[in-house]
Amino acid sequence: MDEFVAIVRLPNGLTQRVTIQSDDSGKARAMLEAQYGPGCVLTLDRPNRW
């Protein structure tokens, strides 16, 4: 599993940085949209690894 960092828009209009573990970015986006609502994912990145 990989770790992804996303910025999501909350139902109240604010944004929040969240971290999620998933096999790929598509699944990560789907999980976030299931939790926060469709179209909520503003950015989705894999953090740099050293």
PDB file of N, CA and C in Angstrom:
ATOM      1  N   MET A   1       0.831  -1.183   0.000  1.00  0.00           N
ATOM      2  CA  MET A   1       0.000   0.000   0.000  1.00  0.00           C
ATOM      3  C   MET A   1       0.875   1.245   0.000  1.00  0.00           C
ATOM      4  N   ASP A   2       0.376   2.271  -0.644  1.00  0.00           N
ATOM      5  CA  ASP A   2       1.063   3.556  -0.688  1.00  0.00           C
ATOM      6  C   ASP A   2       0.293   4.559   0.155  1.00  0.00           C
ATOM      7  N   GLU A   3       0.984   5.602   0.563  1.00  0.00           N
ATOM      8  CA  GLU A   3       0.359   6.677   1.314  1.00  0.00           C
ATOM      9  C   GLU A   3       0.183   7.878   0.395  1.00  0.00           C
ATOM     10  N   PHE A   4      -0.990   8.488   0.457  1.00  0.00           N
ATOM     11  CA  PHE A   4      -1.302   9.658  -0.349  1.00  0.00           C
ATOM     12  C   PHE A   4      -1.709  10.803   0.568  1.00  0.00           C
ATOM     13  N   VAL A   5      -1.401  12.015   0.144  1.00  0.00           N
ATOM     14  CA  VAL A   5      -1.809  13.220   0.860  1.00  0.00           C
ATOM     15  C   VAL A   5      -2.774  13.968  -0.045  1.00  0.00           C
ATOM     16  N   ALA A   6      -3.912  14.352   0.517  1.00  0.00           N
ATOM     17  CA  ALA A   6      -4.937  15.039  -0.269  1.00  0.00           C
ATOM     18  C   ALA A   6      -5.392  16.298   0.450  1.00  0.00           C
ATOM     19  N   ILE A   7      -5.853  17.254  -0.343  1.00  0.00           N
ATOM     20  CA  ILE A   7      -6.574  18.408   0.176  1.00  0.00           C
ATOM     21  C   ILE A   7      -8.024  18.197  -0.243  1.00  0.00           C
ATOM     22  N   VAL A   8      -8.916  18.142   0.737  1.00  0.00           N
ATOM     23  CA  VAL A   8     -10.335  17.924   0.451  1.00  0.00           C
ATOM     24  C   VAL A   8     -11.144  19.133   0.907  1.00  0.00           C
ATOM     25  N   ARG A   9     -12.235  19.379   0.191  1.00  0.00           N
ATOM     26  CA  ARG A   9     -13.164  20.437   0.582  1.00  0.00           C
ATOM     27  C   ARG A   9     -14.233  19.793   1.463  1.00  0.00           C
ATOM     28  N   LEU A  10     -14.401  20.341   2.647  1.00  0.00           N
ATOM     29  CA  LEU A  10     -15.385  19.847   3.602  1.00  0.00           C
ATOM     30  C   LEU A  10     -16.763  20.395   3.258  1.00  0.00           C
ATOM     31  N   PRO A  11     -17.828  19.759   3.758  1.00  0.00           N
ATOM     32  CA  PRO A  11     -19.189  20.234   3.454  1.00  0.00           C
ATOM     33  C   PRO A  11     -19.442  21.681   3.863  1.00  0.00           C
ATOM     34  N   ASN A  12     -18.707  22.194   4.863  1.00  0.00           N
ATOM     35  CA  ASN A  12     -18.905  23.570   5.299  1.00  0.00           C
ATOM     36  C   ASN A  12     -18.106  24.573   4.465  1.00  0.00           C
ATOM     37  N   GLY A  13     -17.378  24.082   3.428  1.00  0.00           N
ATOM     38  CA  GLY A  13     -16.642  24.960   2.526  1.00  0.00           C
ATOM     39  C   GLY A  13     -15.167  25.113   2.861  1.00  0.00           C
ATOM     40  N   LEU A  14     -14.759  24.742   4.059  1.00  0.00           N
ATOM     41  CA  LEU A  14     -13.349  24.803   4.431  1.00  0.00           C
ATOM     42  C   LEU A  14     -12.588  23.648   3.778  1.00  0.00           C
ATOM     43  N   THR A  15     -11.272  23.727   3.783  1.00  0.00           N
ATOM     44  CA  THR A  15     -10.452  22.640   3.251  1.00  0.00           C
ATOM     45  C   THR A  15      -9.636  22.019   4.373  1.00  0.00           C
ATOM     46  N   GLN A  16      -9.237  20.775   4.154  1.00  0.00           N
ATOM     47  CA  GLN A  16      -8.452  20.060   5.149  1.00  0.00           C
ATOM     48  C   GLN A  16      -7.460  19.155   4.436  1.00  0.00           C
ATOM     49  N   ARG A  17      -6.260  19.043   5.011  1.00  0.00           N
ATOM     50  CA  ARG A  17      -5.238  18.122   4.506  1.00  0.00           C
ATOM     51  C   ARG A  17      -5.442  16.782   5.199  1.00  0.00           C
ATOM     52  N   VAL A  18      -5.538  15.717   4.418  1.00  0.00           N
ATOM     53  CA  VAL A  18      -5.737  14.378   4.975  1.00  0.00           C
ATOM     54  C   VAL A  18      -4.722  13.421   4.360  1.00  0.00           C
ATOM     55  N   THR A  19      -4.433  12.361   5.084  1.00  0.00           N
ATOM     56  CA  THR A  19      -3.536  11.309   4.614  1.00  0.00           C
ATOM     57  C   THR A  19      -4.336  10.022   4.522  1.00  0.00           C
ATOM     58  N   ILE A  20      -4.116   9.266   3.450  1.00  0.00           N
ATOM     59  CA  ILE A  20      -4.857   8.030   3.245  1.00  0.00           C
ATOM     60  C   ILE A  20      -3.918   6.981   2.659  1.00  0.00           C
ATOM     61  N   GLN A  21      -4.126   5.731   3.029  1.00  0.00           N
ATOM     62  CA  GLN A  21      -3.350   4.624   2.473  1.00  0.00           C
ATOM     63  C   GLN A  21      -4.229   3.856   1.495  1.00  0.00           C
ATOM     64  N   SER A  22      -3.665   3.582   0.323  1.00  0.00           N
ATOM     65  CA  SER A  22      -4.413   2.892  -0.717  1.00  0.00           C
ATOM     66  C   SER A  22      -3.446   2.240  -1.696  1.00  0.00           C
ATOM     67  N   ASP A  23      -3.971   1.340  -2.512  1.00  0.00           N
ATOM     68  CA  ASP A  23      -3.157   0.662  -3.530  1.00  0.00           C
ATOM     69  C   ASP A  23      -2.788   1.601  -4.673  1.00  0.00           C
ATOM     70  N   ASP A  24      -3.710   2.501  -5.038  1.00  0.00           N
ATOM     71  CA  ASP A  24      -3.429   3.453  -6.122  1.00  0.00           C
ATOM     72  C   ASP A  24      -4.248   4.718  -5.923  1.00  0.00           C
ATOM     73  N   SER A  25      -3.946   5.726  -6.705  1.00  0.00           N
ATOM     74  CA  SER A  25      -4.580   7.036  -6.526  1.00  0.00           C
ATOM     75  C   SER A  25      -6.076   7.000  -6.845  1.00  0.00           C
ATOM     76  N   GLY A  26      -6.488   6.164  -7.780  1.00  0.00           N
ATOM     77  CA  GLY A  26      -7.916   6.069  -8.109  1.00  0.00           C
ATOM     78  C   GLY A  26      -8.735   5.558  -6.943  1.00  0.00           C
ATOM     79  N   LYS A  27      -8.216   4.541  -6.272  1.00  0.00           N
ATOM     80  CA  LYS A  27      -8.915   4.006  -5.100  1.00  0.00           C
ATOM     81  C   LYS A  27      -8.897   5.011  -3.958  1.00  0.00           C
ATOM     82  N   ALA A  28      -7.786   5.712  -3.798  1.00  0.00           N
ATOM     83  CA  ALA A  28      -7.687   6.727  -2.748  1.00  0.00           C
ATOM     84  C   ALA A  28      -8.731   7.814  -2.979  1.00  0.00           C
ATOM     85  N   ARG A  29      -8.850   8.285  -4.210  1.00  0.00           N
ATOM     86  CA  ARG A  29      -9.834   9.320  -4.538  1.00  0.00           C
ATOM     87  C   ARG A  29     -11.259   8.812  -4.279  1.00  0.00           C
ATOM     88  N   ALA A  30     -11.540   7.574  -4.656  1.00  0.00           N
ATOM     89  CA  ALA A  30     -12.877   7.010  -4.454  1.00  0.00           C
ATOM     90  C   ALA A  30     -13.213   6.908  -2.963  1.00  0.00           C
ATOM     91  N   MET A  31     -12.251   6.514  -2.147  1.00  0.00           N
ATOM     92  CA  MET A  31     -12.486   6.421  -0.709  1.00  0.00           C
ATOM     93  C   MET A  31     -12.737   7.795  -0.099  1.00  0.00           C
ATOM     94  N   LEU A  32     -11.967   8.784  -0.530  1.00  0.00           N
ATOM     95  CA  LEU A  32     -12.163  10.136  -0.009  1.00  0.00           C
ATOM     96  C   LEU A  32     -13.510  10.705  -0.433  1.00  0.00           C
ATOM     97  N   GLU A  33     -13.910  10.461  -1.676  1.00  0.00           N
ATOM     98  CA  GLU A  33     -15.203  10.957  -2.138  1.00  0.00           C
ATOM     99  C   GLU A  33     -16.356  10.254  -1.434  1.00  0.00           C
ATOM    100  N   ALA A  34     -16.167   8.981  -1.066  1.00  0.00           N
ATOM    101  CA  ALA A  34     -17.202   8.277  -0.311  1.00  0.00           C
ATOM    102  C   ALA A  34     -17.357   8.888   1.076  1.00  0.00           C
ATOM    103  N   GLN A  35     -16.268   9.364   1.644  1.00  0.00           N
ATOM    104  CA  GLN A  35     -16.313   9.921   2.986  1.00  0.00           C
ATOM    105  C   GLN A  35     -16.727  11.391   3.006  1.00  0.00           C
ATOM    106  N   TYR A  36     -16.198  12.192   2.059  1.00  0.00           N
ATOM    107  CA  TYR A  36     -16.406  13.638   2.095  1.00  0.00           C
ATOM    108  C   TYR A  36     -17.383  14.152   1.036  1.00  0.00           C
ATOM    109  N   GLY A  37     -17.744  13.331   0.062  1.00  0.00           N
ATOM    110  CA  GLY A  37     -18.696  13.744  -0.966  1.00  0.00           C
ATOM    111  C   GLY A  37     -18.052  13.836  -2.339  1.00  0.00           C
ATOM    112  N   PRO A  38     -18.851  13.669  -3.389  1.00  0.00           N
ATOM    113  CA  PRO A  38     -18.341  13.726  -4.760  1.00  0.00           C
ATOM    114  C   PRO A  38     -17.704  15.078  -5.077  1.00  0.00           C
ATOM    115  N   GLY A  39     -16.565  15.047  -5.748  1.00  0.00           N
ATOM    116  CA  GLY A  39     -15.881  16.256  -6.165  1.00  0.00           C
ATOM    117  C   GLY A  39     -15.128  16.988  -5.067  1.00  0.00           C
ATOM    118  N   CYS A  40     -14.964  16.350  -3.921  1.00  0.00           N
ATOM    119  CA  CYS A  40     -14.340  17.018  -2.777  1.00  0.00           C
ATOM    120  C   CYS A  40     -12.818  17.066  -2.864  1.00  0.00           C
ATOM    121  N   VAL A  41     -12.205  16.185  -3.663  1.00  0.00           N
ATOM    122  CA  VAL A  41     -10.740  16.087  -3.692  1.00  0.00           C
ATOM    123  C   VAL A  41     -10.178  17.195  -4.581  1.00  0.00           C
ATOM    124  N   LEU A  42      -9.453  18.124  -3.954  1.00  0.00           N
ATOM    125  CA  LEU A  42      -8.853  19.226  -4.705  1.00  0.00           C
ATOM    126  C   LEU A  42      -7.472  18.840  -5.231  1.00  0.00           C
ATOM    127  N   THR A  43      -6.662  18.185  -4.402  1.00  0.00           N
ATOM    128  CA  THR A  43      -5.357  17.674  -4.831  1.00  0.00           C
ATOM    129  C   THR A  43      -5.151  16.302  -4.209  1.00  0.00           C
ATOM    130  N   LEU A  44      -4.380  15.483  -4.899  1.00  0.00           N
ATOM    131  CA  LEU A  44      -4.045  14.147  -4.407  1.00  0.00           C
ATOM    132  C   LEU A  44      -2.631  13.829  -4.881  1.00  0.00           C
ATOM    133  N   ASP A  45      -1.712  13.745  -3.943  1.00  0.00           N
ATOM    134  CA  ASP A  45      -0.296  13.539  -4.271  1.00  0.00           C
ATOM    135  C   ASP A  45       0.288  12.424  -3.432  1.00  0.00           C
ATOM    136  N   ARG A  46       1.317  11.819  -3.970  1.00  0.00           N
ATOM    137  CA  ARG A  46       2.103  10.850  -3.202  1.00  0.00           C
ATOM    138  C   ARG A  46       3.288  11.625  -2.635  1.00  0.00           C
ATOM    139  N   PRO A  47       3.461  11.605  -1.297  1.00  0.00           N
ATOM    140  CA  PRO A  47       4.563  12.378  -0.722  1.00  0.00           C
ATOM    141  C   PRO A  47       5.919  11.826  -1.136  1.00  0.00           C
ATOM    142  N   ASN A  48       6.901  12.703  -1.131  1.00  0.00           N
ATOM    143  CA  ASN A  48       8.254  12.281  -1.490  1.00  0.00           C
ATOM    144  C   ASN A  48       8.802  11.306  -0.461  1.00  0.00           C
ATOM    145  N   ARG A  49       9.518  10.323  -0.940  1.00  0.00           N
ATOM    146  CA  ARG A  49      10.165   9.367  -0.049  1.00  0.00           C
ATOM    147  C   ARG A  49      11.660   9.568  -0.138  1.00  0.00           C
ATOM    148  N   TRP A  50      12.323   9.483   0.987  1.00  0.00           N
ATOM    149  CA  TRP A  50      13.769   9.687   1.018  1.00  0.00           C
ATOM    150  C   TRP A  50      14.483   8.382   0.846  1.00  0.00           C
TER     151      TRP A  50
END
